[in-house]
Amino acid sequence: MKFINRIKYLVVLGFLASCSYEFPAPDIQEPTSGSADMSKIISVGNSLTAGFMDGALYTRGQQNSFAVILADQAKVVGAGDFNVPDINSVNGYYAMGPQGPLGRLVLRVNPTTGAAAPAPIGPGELPAPFTGNKAALNNFGVPGITLGTALTPLTGGPASAENPAYNPLYARFASNPGTSTIIGDAATALGNGGTFFTFWLGNNDVLGYAIGGASNPAILTSDADFTQRLGLALGAMLQANAQAKGAVANIPSLAVLPYFNLVPWNALPLDAGTAAAVNQGYAQYNGGLLQLQAMGAITAEEVALRTINFTAGQNGFVMHDKHLTDLTQYGLPSIRQSNNTDKATLTLSQALGQPVGGDPQQVRGVSSPVEDSFVLTKIEQDEVSGKITSFNNIIAAAVQSNAERLVLVDVNALLTRVLQGQVSSGGVGLTASIVPPNGGFSLDGVHPNARAHAFVANEFIKAINQKWGANIPMANPNAYMGNDLPM
């Protein structure tokens, strides 16, 4: 039997022969902060605030986060320095390779196929402790944190198997590792002369669950916990300085993330001979389904869903589905082939068609089912979407309850417009893809790139200008890089 050696998703690159960027017309109104004081801005959040891009935290990403861009634009209305906990790394840390740390993702062209796909750039650096002045920091964005881990001192250490909250990217600049908290440090900075803050937390309370294929319910935050933790975190910021105002962003839709759209549901190519051989291996399983239908244990519709049949060409892969009727008492697993309602995670691109545990007879997606952690079923997608809606309603209510001091920044609506092809600057569009030059997501498929961060910064500026009568000038997104061209 001939199996697939390696399956990778393909990124088809469309290049513009020439780009003519139109810069925004100068604003003839006098810049002003209105009734908002932007002189010392404090930002607290997760990877989005930190400038995490291309699967890594690295210097260029840090310096092009929406928080940095916003602070730069606010300088004309009196904003001071905006200090970040510099990572001092050109490539950052993406993963550990056989020769040591691998850096951020870049597009690499396959010399055989001509297709381009993300791959580590080469040598990277493990995060080093921040050696600057911690008391002077303005950006408290930490990749990977939830509302809960933003509030616990365990996030700063100690590092141990018994402390899943530990985050080295916070520990490296925590004011007092193991005692201080991210929210506490940000609130202290706000209380020490801070005048305005941005707050963007909550994404990881649902996104971490989604990225893992909705396979670990324990990491999905409940509505009650989200409400309580949001209240504590926002409350700490508001209480730190009774005069400070703030802008609070919400959570983007799952549908906009390339991470769930780059690996097609029918990503498994087979020739006729391989398809026939694989089908023979599933004949007993398919026959058992028909017997159970005759017994009344499952419906004809479920038999059709669960029947495995490969053909020559592109095929759905065999996958676990915990939502199917449990037939283990009859000796049949809960498996089926993927279909066009399923969303595979980006990580499946490296795993599909590979031997499981080194056994060449157990090929993931063919003779061995793809694990739950690699796929979101329609039921799971609806669950995640419902949770995002619920969390966004909680965020909106929290902002409304402090309406004099807070404004909601609807990043969810912005990125939905990006998905619909409705966002551009100077005639140059922004797309919900990783494909340069217009793609707005970095190569990890989850985090915006620098150009998209400029659009996000402008969304913050629009909200601030409208709420408090300010006239902070917009950034020019076309002055910021998208994704690097393939190597």
Protein backbone atom coordinates (compact mmCIF):
# COMPACT_ATOMS: atom_id res chain seq x y z
CA MET A 1 0.00 0.00 0.00
CA LYS A 2 1.37 3.41 -0.96
CA PHE A 3 0.82 6.19 1.57
CA ILE A 4 1.34 9.89 1.50
CA ASN A 5 4.80 10.94 2.67
CA ARG A 6 4.05 14.54 3.46
CA ILE A 7 1.09 16.85 3.14
CA LYS A 8 1.54 20.61 3.28
CA TYR A 9 -0.95 23.31 2.60
CA LEU A 10 -0.14 25.48 -0.37
CA VAL A 11 -0.16 29.22 -0.35
CA VAL A 12 -0.75 30.61 -3.80
CA LEU A 13 0.98 33.95 -4.02
CA GLY A 14 -0.40 36.70 -6.18
CA PHE A 15 2.06 39.50 -6.67
CA LEU A 16 1.36 43.02 -7.80
CA ALA A 17 3.57 44.15 -10.65
CA SER A 18 3.57 47.62 -9.18
CA CYS A 19 1.97 49.33 -6.20
CA SER A 20 0.99 52.96 -6.14
CA TYR A 21 0.13 53.91 -2.57
CA GLU A 22 -1.99 56.99 -2.03
CA PHE A 23 -1.24 58.63 1.29
CA PRO A 24 -4.10 60.19 3.27
CA ALA A 25 -4.72 63.87 2.71
CA PRO A 26 -3.33 66.00 5.53
CA ASP A 27 -5.79 66.83 8.29
CA ILE A 28 -6.32 70.60 8.36
CA GLN A 29 -7.74 70.53 11.89
CA GLU A 30 -5.46 71.25 14.82
CA PRO A 31 -4.47 68.04 16.64
CA THR A 32 -5.93 67.83 20.13
CA SER A 33 -6.60 65.17 22.74
CA GLY A 34 -9.98 66.72 23.55
CA SER A 35 -11.11 65.76 27.02
CA ALA A 36 -8.77 62.74 27.04
CA ASP A 37 -5.25 63.19 28.41
CA MET A 38 -2.80 61.11 26.35
CA SER A 39 0.40 62.29 28.04
CA LYS A 40 1.24 58.87 29.55
CA ILE A 41 -0.37 55.85 27.93
CA ILE A 42 -0.36 52.42 29.57
CA SER A 43 -1.32 49.32 27.56
CA VAL A 44 -2.25 45.95 29.00
CA GLY A 45 -3.17 42.88 26.99
CA ASN A 46 -1.97 39.65 25.47
CA SER A 47 0.04 38.82 22.35
CA LEU A 48 -1.89 41.38 20.29
CA THR A 49 -0.75 44.20 22.54
CA ALA A 50 2.78 42.77 22.80
CA GLY A 51 3.27 42.71 19.02
CA PHE A 52 3.65 38.93 18.74
CA MET A 53 3.84 38.06 15.02
CA ASP A 54 4.91 35.15 12.81
CA GLY A 55 4.73 32.74 15.73
CA ALA A 56 7.33 34.63 17.78
CA LEU A 57 7.98 37.70 19.89
CA TYR A 58 10.76 39.59 18.14
CA THR A 59 11.97 43.17 17.96
CA ARG A 60 10.31 44.25 14.72
CA GLY A 61 6.97 42.86 15.85
CA GLN A 62 7.22 44.56 19.25
CA GLN A 63 7.96 47.91 17.66
CA ASN A 64 4.96 47.64 15.31
CA SER A 65 2.18 46.68 17.69
CA PHE A 66 -1.00 48.75 17.59
CA ALA A 67 -0.08 50.07 21.06
CA VAL A 68 3.23 51.49 19.83
CA ILE A 69 1.61 52.92 16.69
CA LEU A 70 -1.16 54.55 18.75
CA ALA A 71 1.38 56.09 21.13
CA ASP A 72 3.40 57.40 18.18
CA GLN A 73 0.32 59.06 16.66
CA ALA A 74 -0.59 60.57 20.04
CA LYS A 75 2.77 62.32 20.37
CA VAL A 76 1.40 65.35 18.51
CA VAL A 77 -1.20 65.75 21.26
CA GLY A 78 1.32 65.48 24.09
CA ALA A 79 1.98 61.76 24.53
CA GLY A 80 5.37 60.98 26.02
CA ASP A 81 7.70 58.03 25.54
CA PHE A 82 6.13 54.59 25.22
CA ASN A 83 8.52 52.00 26.59
CA VAL A 84 8.22 48.28 25.81
CA PRO A 85 10.04 45.38 27.51
CA ASP A 86 12.47 44.96 24.60
CA ILE A 87 13.09 41.36 23.60
CA ASN A 88 16.26 42.39 21.71
CA SER A 89 15.92 39.56 19.19
CA VAL A 90 15.84 39.80 15.40
CA ASN A 91 14.20 36.39 14.96
CA GLY A 92 12.64 35.63 18.34
CA TYR A 93 11.73 32.12 19.42
CA TYR A 94 9.26 29.94 17.49
CA ALA A 95 10.24 26.39 18.40
CA MET A 96 13.16 24.20 19.43
CA GLY A 97 14.96 22.56 16.52
CA PRO A 98 17.58 19.80 16.47
CA GLN A 99 20.38 22.39 16.58
CA GLY A 100 18.72 24.73 19.06
CA PRO A 101 16.05 27.48 19.02
CA LEU A 102 14.35 28.26 15.72
CA GLY A 103 13.21 31.79 14.94
CA ARG A 104 10.05 33.36 13.56
CA LEU A 105 8.18 32.03 10.55
CA VAL A 106 9.00 33.17 7.02
CA LEU A 107 7.60 32.15 3.64
CA ARG A 108 9.87 29.62 1.96
CA VAL A 109 9.50 28.47 -1.63
CA ASN A 110 9.58 24.72 -2.24
CA PRO A 111 12.12 24.29 -5.06
CA THR A 112 10.27 21.24 -6.36
CA THR A 113 6.69 22.49 -6.40
CA GLY A 114 7.24 26.25 -6.45
CA ALA A 115 4.71 26.64 -3.66
CA ALA A 116 5.43 28.88 -0.69
CA ALA A 117 4.60 27.97 2.90
CA PRO A 118 5.60 29.24 6.36
CA ALA A 119 8.70 27.72 7.94
CA PRO A 120 11.11 28.83 10.69
CA ILE A 121 13.70 31.30 9.46
CA GLY A 122 16.60 29.48 11.12
CA PRO A 123 18.42 30.28 14.36
CA GLY A 124 16.36 32.06 16.98
CA GLU A 125 16.92 33.14 20.56
CA LEU A 126 15.31 32.05 23.79
CA PRO A 127 13.69 34.97 25.64
CA ALA A 128 16.17 36.68 27.92
CA PRO A 129 15.38 38.66 31.09
CA PHE A 130 14.54 42.32 30.50
CA THR A 131 17.44 44.46 31.64
CA GLY A 132 15.85 47.87 31.27
CA ASN A 133 13.99 50.01 33.77
CA LYS A 134 10.87 48.04 34.72
CA ALA A 135 9.39 51.06 36.49
CA ALA A 136 9.40 53.02 33.21
CA LEU A 137 7.46 50.47 31.14
CA ASN A 138 4.26 51.44 29.31
CA ASN A 139 3.42 48.20 27.47
CA PHE A 140 2.25 45.28 29.61
CA GLY A 141 1.23 43.00 26.76
CA VAL A 142 2.14 39.35 27.42
CA PRO A 143 1.62 36.61 24.81
CA GLY A 144 -0.56 33.71 25.87
CA ILE A 145 -2.27 35.19 28.90
CA THR A 146 -5.94 34.95 29.81
CA LEU A 147 -7.88 37.19 32.15
CA GLY A 148 -7.20 34.69 34.90
CA THR A 149 -3.43 34.52 34.37
CA ALA A 150 -3.28 38.32 34.13
CA LEU A 151 -4.56 38.42 37.72
CA THR A 152 -2.46 35.73 39.41
CA PRO A 153 1.14 36.06 40.67
CA LEU A 154 1.77 32.48 39.56
CA THR A 155 2.16 33.81 36.00
CA GLY A 156 5.52 35.24 37.06
CA GLY A 157 6.75 31.99 38.59
CA PRO A 158 8.02 29.77 39.87
CA ALA A 159 8.50 27.65 36.75
CA SER A 160 7.40 24.11 37.55
CA ALA A 161 5.19 21.30 36.34
CA GLU A 162 2.78 22.20 39.15
CA ASN A 163 2.39 25.78 37.89
CA PRO A 164 0.67 25.80 34.47
CA ALA A 165 0.09 29.56 34.79
CA TYR A 166 3.83 30.33 34.57
CA ASN A 167 4.65 32.52 31.58
CA PRO A 168 8.35 33.27 30.90
CA LEU A 169 7.40 36.26 28.74
CA TYR A 170 5.93 37.91 31.82
CA ALA A 171 8.53 36.61 34.28
CA ARG A 172 11.25 38.32 32.24
CA PHE A 173 9.93 41.79 33.09
CA ALA A 174 7.68 41.23 36.13
CA SER A 175 8.29 43.82 38.83
CA ASN A 176 8.54 41.03 41.41
CA PRO A 177 8.36 37.55 39.81
CA GLY A 178 6.13 35.21 41.78
CA THR A 179 4.52 38.05 43.72
CA SER A 180 3.46 40.72 41.22
CA THR A 181 0.73 40.32 38.58
CA ILE A 182 0.38 41.68 35.06
CA ILE A 183 -2.68 43.73 35.98
CA GLY A 184 -1.01 44.87 39.18
CA ASP A 185 2.10 46.07 37.33
CA ALA A 186 0.00 47.86 34.70
CA ALA A 187 -2.19 49.49 37.37
CA THR A 188 0.90 50.63 39.28
CA ALA A 189 2.28 52.24 36.12
CA LEU A 190 -1.08 53.93 35.49
CA GLY A 191 -1.16 55.19 39.07
CA ASN A 192 2.36 56.57 38.67
CA GLY A 193 1.45 59.47 36.41
CA GLY A 194 -0.52 57.48 33.82
CA THR A 195 -3.36 59.32 32.12
CA PHE A 196 -4.82 56.88 29.57
CA PHE A 197 -4.85 53.12 29.05
CA THR A 198 -5.69 50.54 26.43
CA PHE A 199 -7.10 47.19 27.54
CA TRP A 200 -7.33 44.17 25.23
CA LEU A 201 -7.77 40.92 27.12
CA GLY A 202 -10.13 37.97 26.77
CA ASN A 203 -9.09 36.58 23.39
CA ASN A 204 -7.14 33.70 24.90
CA ASP A 205 -10.03 32.77 27.17
CA VAL A 206 -11.65 31.27 24.08
CA LEU A 207 -8.95 31.23 21.37
CA GLY A 208 -6.71 28.78 23.24
CA TYR A 209 -9.60 26.33 23.31
CA ALA A 210 -10.31 26.83 19.60
CA ILE A 211 -6.69 26.49 18.47
CA GLY A 212 -6.54 23.12 20.25
CA GLY A 213 -9.49 21.85 18.24
CA ALA A 214 -11.91 22.36 21.16
CA SER A 215 -10.39 19.22 22.67
CA ASN A 216 -9.77 20.55 26.20
CA PRO A 217 -12.93 22.04 27.77
CA ALA A 218 -11.01 22.75 30.98
CA ILE A 219 -9.28 25.75 29.38
CA LEU A 220 -12.48 27.39 28.11
CA THR A 221 -13.44 30.17 30.52
CA SER A 222 -17.01 30.16 31.78
CA ASP A 223 -19.18 33.26 31.36
CA ALA A 224 -19.34 33.68 35.14
CA ASP A 225 -15.55 33.55 35.52
CA PHE A 226 -15.05 35.84 32.54
CA THR A 227 -17.43 38.41 34.01
CA GLN A 228 -15.77 38.29 37.41
CA ARG A 229 -12.20 38.43 36.09
CA LEU A 230 -12.97 41.21 33.62
CA GLY A 231 -14.50 43.22 36.44
CA LEU A 232 -11.44 42.70 38.63
CA ALA A 233 -8.97 43.58 35.88
CA LEU A 234 -10.81 46.64 34.57
CA GLY A 235 -11.61 47.71 38.10
CA ALA A 236 -7.94 47.65 39.05
CA MET A 237 -7.08 49.89 36.12
CA LEU A 238 -9.91 52.33 36.78
CA GLN A 239 -9.09 52.54 40.48
CA ALA A 240 -5.38 53.11 39.86
CA ASN A 241 -6.11 56.64 38.66
CA ALA A 242 -9.58 58.09 39.09
CA GLN A 243 -9.02 60.58 36.26
CA ALA A 244 -7.56 58.19 33.67
CA LYS A 245 -9.68 57.19 30.70
CA GLY A 246 -9.36 54.01 28.68
CA ALA A 247 -10.13 52.21 25.41
CA VAL A 248 -11.24 48.57 25.61
CA ALA A 249 -11.15 46.23 22.59
CA ASN A 250 -13.29 43.17 22.01
CA ILE A 251 -12.63 39.70 20.57
CA PRO A 252 -12.46 39.01 16.81
CA SER A 253 -14.55 36.35 15.12
CA LEU A 254 -13.12 32.88 14.60
CA ALA A 255 -14.05 33.07 10.90
CA VAL A 256 -11.49 35.79 10.15
CA LEU A 257 -8.41 33.80 11.25
CA PRO A 258 -6.37 32.15 8.46
CA TYR A 259 -5.22 29.60 11.04
CA PHE A 260 -8.54 27.82 10.48
CA ASN A 261 -8.75 28.41 6.73
CA LEU A 262 -5.36 27.44 5.27
CA VAL A 263 -5.72 23.65 5.41
CA PRO A 264 -8.67 22.56 3.24
CA TRP A 265 -11.04 19.87 4.47
CA ASN A 266 -10.12 17.70 1.45
CA ALA A 267 -6.36 18.08 1.82
CA LEU A 268 -5.60 14.39 1.26
CA PRO A 269 -4.62 13.43 -2.32
CA LEU A 270 -4.69 9.71 -3.20
CA ASP A 271 -4.24 7.78 -6.44
CA ALA A 272 -6.77 5.13 -7.45
CA GLY A 273 -4.67 2.20 -6.25
CA THR A 274 -4.04 3.66 -2.82
CA ALA A 275 -7.70 4.65 -2.45
CA ALA A 276 -8.83 1.10 -3.26
CA ALA A 277 -6.36 -0.42 -0.81
CA VAL A 278 -7.39 1.91 1.99
CA ASN A 279 -11.09 1.26 1.32
CA GLN A 280 -10.49 -2.46 1.73
CA GLY A 281 -9.13 -1.76 5.20
CA TYR A 282 -12.37 0.03 6.18
CA ALA A 283 -14.77 -2.53 4.66
CA GLN A 284 -15.45 -4.23 8.00
CA TYR A 285 -16.06 -0.88 9.71
CA ASN A 286 -18.50 0.22 7.00
CA GLY A 287 -20.28 -3.12 7.16
CA GLY A 288 -20.66 -2.78 10.93
CA LEU A 289 -22.37 0.59 10.46
CA LEU A 290 -24.99 -1.00 8.19
CA GLN A 291 -25.62 -3.75 10.73
CA LEU A 292 -26.16 -1.21 13.50
CA GLN A 293 -28.54 0.74 11.30
CA ALA A 294 -30.56 -2.43 10.79
CA MET A 295 -30.62 -2.86 14.58
CA GLY A 296 -31.91 0.71 15.02
CA ALA A 297 -28.77 1.86 16.86
CA ILE A 298 -28.02 4.65 14.36
CA THR A 299 -29.88 6.38 11.56
CA ALA A 300 -29.26 6.12 7.84
CA GLU A 301 -28.07 9.74 7.91
CA GLU A 302 -25.39 8.91 10.48
CA VAL A 303 -24.34 5.84 8.50
CA ALA A 304 -23.82 8.09 5.46
CA LEU A 305 -21.82 10.57 7.57
CA ARG A 306 -19.61 7.88 9.10
CA THR A 307 -19.00 5.71 6.03
CA ILE A 308 -15.39 5.96 4.87
CA ASN A 309 -14.77 5.89 1.14
CA PHE A 310 -11.67 7.21 -0.62
CA THR A 311 -11.48 7.99 -4.32
CA ALA A 312 -8.73 9.05 -6.71
CA GLY A 313 -8.00 12.75 -6.21
CA GLN A 314 -8.54 15.03 -3.22
CA ASN A 315 -10.20 13.39 -0.20
CA GLY A 316 -11.44 14.23 3.22
CA PHE A 317 -9.23 12.74 5.93
CA VAL A 318 -10.32 10.22 8.54
CA MET A 319 -10.88 11.99 11.87
CA HIS A 320 -12.20 11.45 15.37
CA ASP A 321 -15.56 13.07 16.10
CA LYS A 322 -16.70 12.95 19.72
CA HIS A 323 -20.14 14.20 18.72
CA LEU A 324 -21.02 10.98 16.88
CA THR A 325 -23.13 8.30 18.56
CA ASP A 326 -20.88 6.28 20.86
CA LEU A 327 -20.63 2.81 19.32
CA THR A 328 -17.64 1.55 21.30
CA GLN A 329 -19.81 -1.09 22.96
CA TYR A 330 -20.15 -2.59 19.49
CA GLY A 331 -16.43 -2.28 18.78
CA LEU A 332 -16.71 0.67 16.39
CA PRO A 333 -14.78 3.94 16.94
CA SER A 334 -16.26 7.43 16.59
CA ILE A 335 -14.63 8.28 13.28
CA ARG A 336 -15.63 9.70 9.91
CA GLN A 337 -14.12 11.56 6.99
CA SER A 338 -13.84 15.33 7.12
CA ASN A 339 -16.29 17.37 5.08
CA ASN A 340 -16.76 20.97 4.03
CA THR A 341 -18.28 21.96 7.38
CA ASP A 342 -15.06 21.12 9.25
CA LYS A 343 -12.18 23.54 9.88
CA ALA A 344 -8.71 22.05 10.24
CA THR A 345 -6.09 23.86 12.30
CA LEU A 346 -2.88 25.08 10.70
CA THR A 347 -0.87 22.52 12.69
CA LEU A 348 -2.47 19.70 10.69
CA SER A 349 -0.46 20.83 7.64
CA GLN A 350 2.65 19.25 9.18
CA ALA A 351 0.93 16.18 10.65
CA LEU A 352 -1.45 14.96 7.94
CA GLY A 353 -0.14 11.94 6.04
CA GLN A 354 2.67 11.36 8.54
CA PRO A 355 3.31 8.06 10.37
CA VAL A 356 1.92 8.06 13.89
CA GLY A 357 4.50 7.07 16.48
CA GLY A 358 6.94 6.13 13.74
CA ASP A 359 4.71 3.26 12.50
CA PRO A 360 4.54 3.41 8.66
CA GLN A 361 1.29 1.45 8.70
CA GLN A 362 -0.43 4.08 10.86
CA VAL A 363 -0.67 7.13 8.62
CA ARG A 364 -2.51 10.09 10.13
CA GLY A 365 -5.72 10.81 8.25
CA VAL A 366 -5.57 7.60 6.20
CA SER A 367 -5.17 4.45 8.28
CA SER A 368 -5.09 6.35 11.59
CA PRO A 369 -7.71 8.99 12.39
CA VAL A 370 -6.72 12.63 12.87
CA GLU A 371 -6.96 13.55 16.53
CA ASP A 372 -9.65 15.89 17.92
CA SER A 373 -7.03 18.58 18.60
CA PHE A 374 -6.51 19.19 14.87
CA VAL A 375 -10.10 19.89 13.79
CA LEU A 376 -13.07 22.05 14.70
CA THR A 377 -16.37 20.43 13.78
CA LYS A 378 -19.42 22.55 12.95
CA ILE A 379 -20.76 21.95 16.47
CA GLU A 380 -17.47 23.17 17.95
CA GLN A 381 -17.31 26.17 15.64
CA ASP A 382 -20.79 27.19 16.75
CA GLU A 383 -19.76 26.72 20.38
CA VAL A 384 -16.70 28.95 19.96
CA SER A 385 -18.63 31.58 18.02
CA GLY A 386 -21.32 31.62 20.69
CA LYS A 387 -18.69 32.04 23.39
CA ILE A 388 -17.07 34.95 21.53
CA THR A 389 -20.46 36.62 21.21
CA SER A 390 -21.12 36.09 24.91
CA PHE A 391 -17.71 37.45 25.94
CA ASN A 392 -18.10 40.47 23.65
CA ASN A 393 -21.47 41.23 25.22
CA ILE A 394 -19.85 41.07 28.67
CA ILE A 395 -17.06 43.40 27.51
CA ALA A 396 -19.58 45.85 26.01
CA ALA A 397 -21.63 45.86 29.22
CA ALA A 398 -18.51 46.52 31.32
CA VAL A 399 -17.57 49.47 29.12
CA GLN A 400 -21.11 50.82 29.20
CA SER A 401 -21.20 50.66 32.98
CA ASN A 402 -18.19 52.99 33.01
CA ALA A 403 -19.24 55.02 29.99
CA GLU A 404 -17.77 58.33 31.17
CA ARG A 405 -14.27 56.87 31.36
CA LEU A 406 -14.23 54.00 28.85
CA VAL A 407 -14.85 53.57 25.13
CA LEU A 408 -15.36 50.29 23.27
CA VAL A 409 -13.10 49.61 20.28
CA ASP A 410 -14.94 47.17 18.03
CA VAL A 411 -12.02 45.27 16.52
CA ASN A 412 -14.39 42.37 15.85
CA ALA A 413 -16.37 44.55 13.42
CA LEU A 414 -13.15 45.87 11.83
CA LEU A 415 -11.77 42.39 11.09
CA THR A 416 -15.16 41.19 9.87
CA ARG A 417 -15.04 44.02 7.31
CA VAL A 418 -11.52 42.85 6.40
CA LEU A 419 -12.91 39.36 5.77
CA GLN A 420 -15.57 40.91 3.53
CA GLY A 421 -12.99 42.87 1.53
CA GLN A 422 -14.21 46.25 2.76
CA VAL A 423 -11.04 47.66 4.35
CA SER A 424 -8.33 49.58 2.51
CA SER A 425 -6.04 52.56 2.76
CA GLY A 426 -5.18 54.78 -0.16
CA GLY A 427 -6.80 52.28 -2.49
CA VAL A 428 -4.69 49.38 -1.18
CA GLY A 429 -6.82 46.66 0.42
CA LEU A 430 -6.30 44.58 3.53
CA THR A 431 -7.21 40.89 3.28
CA ALA A 432 -7.83 38.17 5.86
CA SER A 433 -4.90 36.11 4.62
CA ILE A 434 -1.15 35.66 5.01
CA VAL A 435 -0.43 36.29 1.32
CA PRO A 436 1.73 39.36 0.66
CA PRO A 437 1.43 42.19 -0.07
CA ASN A 438 -2.20 42.66 1.05
CA GLY A 439 -2.55 39.88 3.63
CA GLY A 440 -3.22 41.33 7.07
CA PHE A 441 -2.22 38.32 9.18
CA SER A 442 1.29 37.29 10.05
CA LEU A 443 2.50 33.84 9.07
CA ASP A 444 1.17 32.08 12.16
CA GLY A 445 -2.34 32.71 10.83
CA VAL A 446 -3.59 34.19 14.11
CA HIS A 447 -1.79 37.46 14.83
CA PRO A 448 -2.00 40.59 12.65
CA ASN A 449 1.13 41.80 10.90
CA ALA A 450 2.48 45.35 11.21
CA ARG A 451 0.28 46.82 8.47
CA ALA A 452 -2.85 45.35 10.03
CA HIS A 453 -1.76 46.65 13.43
CA ALA A 454 -1.82 50.15 11.92
CA PHE A 455 -5.46 49.64 10.92
CA VAL A 456 -6.20 48.43 14.47
CA ALA A 457 -4.44 51.49 15.92
CA ASN A 458 -6.61 53.68 13.72
CA GLU A 459 -9.71 51.94 15.07
CA PHE A 460 -8.59 52.91 18.58
CA ILE A 461 -7.92 56.47 17.40
CA LYS A 462 -11.36 56.76 15.78
CA ALA A 463 -13.05 55.61 18.98
CA ILE A 464 -11.02 58.02 21.14
CA ASN A 465 -11.58 60.94 18.77
CA GLN A 466 -15.32 60.40 18.65
CA LYS A 467 -15.76 59.75 22.37
CA TRP A 468 -13.74 62.62 23.78
CA GLY A 469 -13.68 65.18 20.99
CA ALA A 470 -10.04 64.50 20.20
CA ASN A 471 -8.29 64.94 16.88
CA ILE A 472 -5.43 62.45 17.02
CA PRO A 473 -4.17 61.95 13.45
CA MET A 474 -4.57 58.55 11.86
CA ALA A 475 -1.60 56.37 11.00
CA ASN A 476 -0.88 55.60 7.36
CA PRO A 477 -1.10 51.78 7.16
CA ASN A 478 0.78 51.76 3.87
CA ALA A 479 3.84 53.02 5.71
CA TYR A 480 3.98 49.72 7.66
CA MET A 481 5.21 46.36 6.43
CA GLY A 482 3.00 43.48 5.56
CA ASN A 483 4.51 40.00 5.36
CA ASP A 484 7.98 39.52 3.92
CA LEU A 485 8.16 38.15 0.40
CA PRO A 486 9.11 34.45 0.07
CA MET A 487 12.69 33.33 0.51
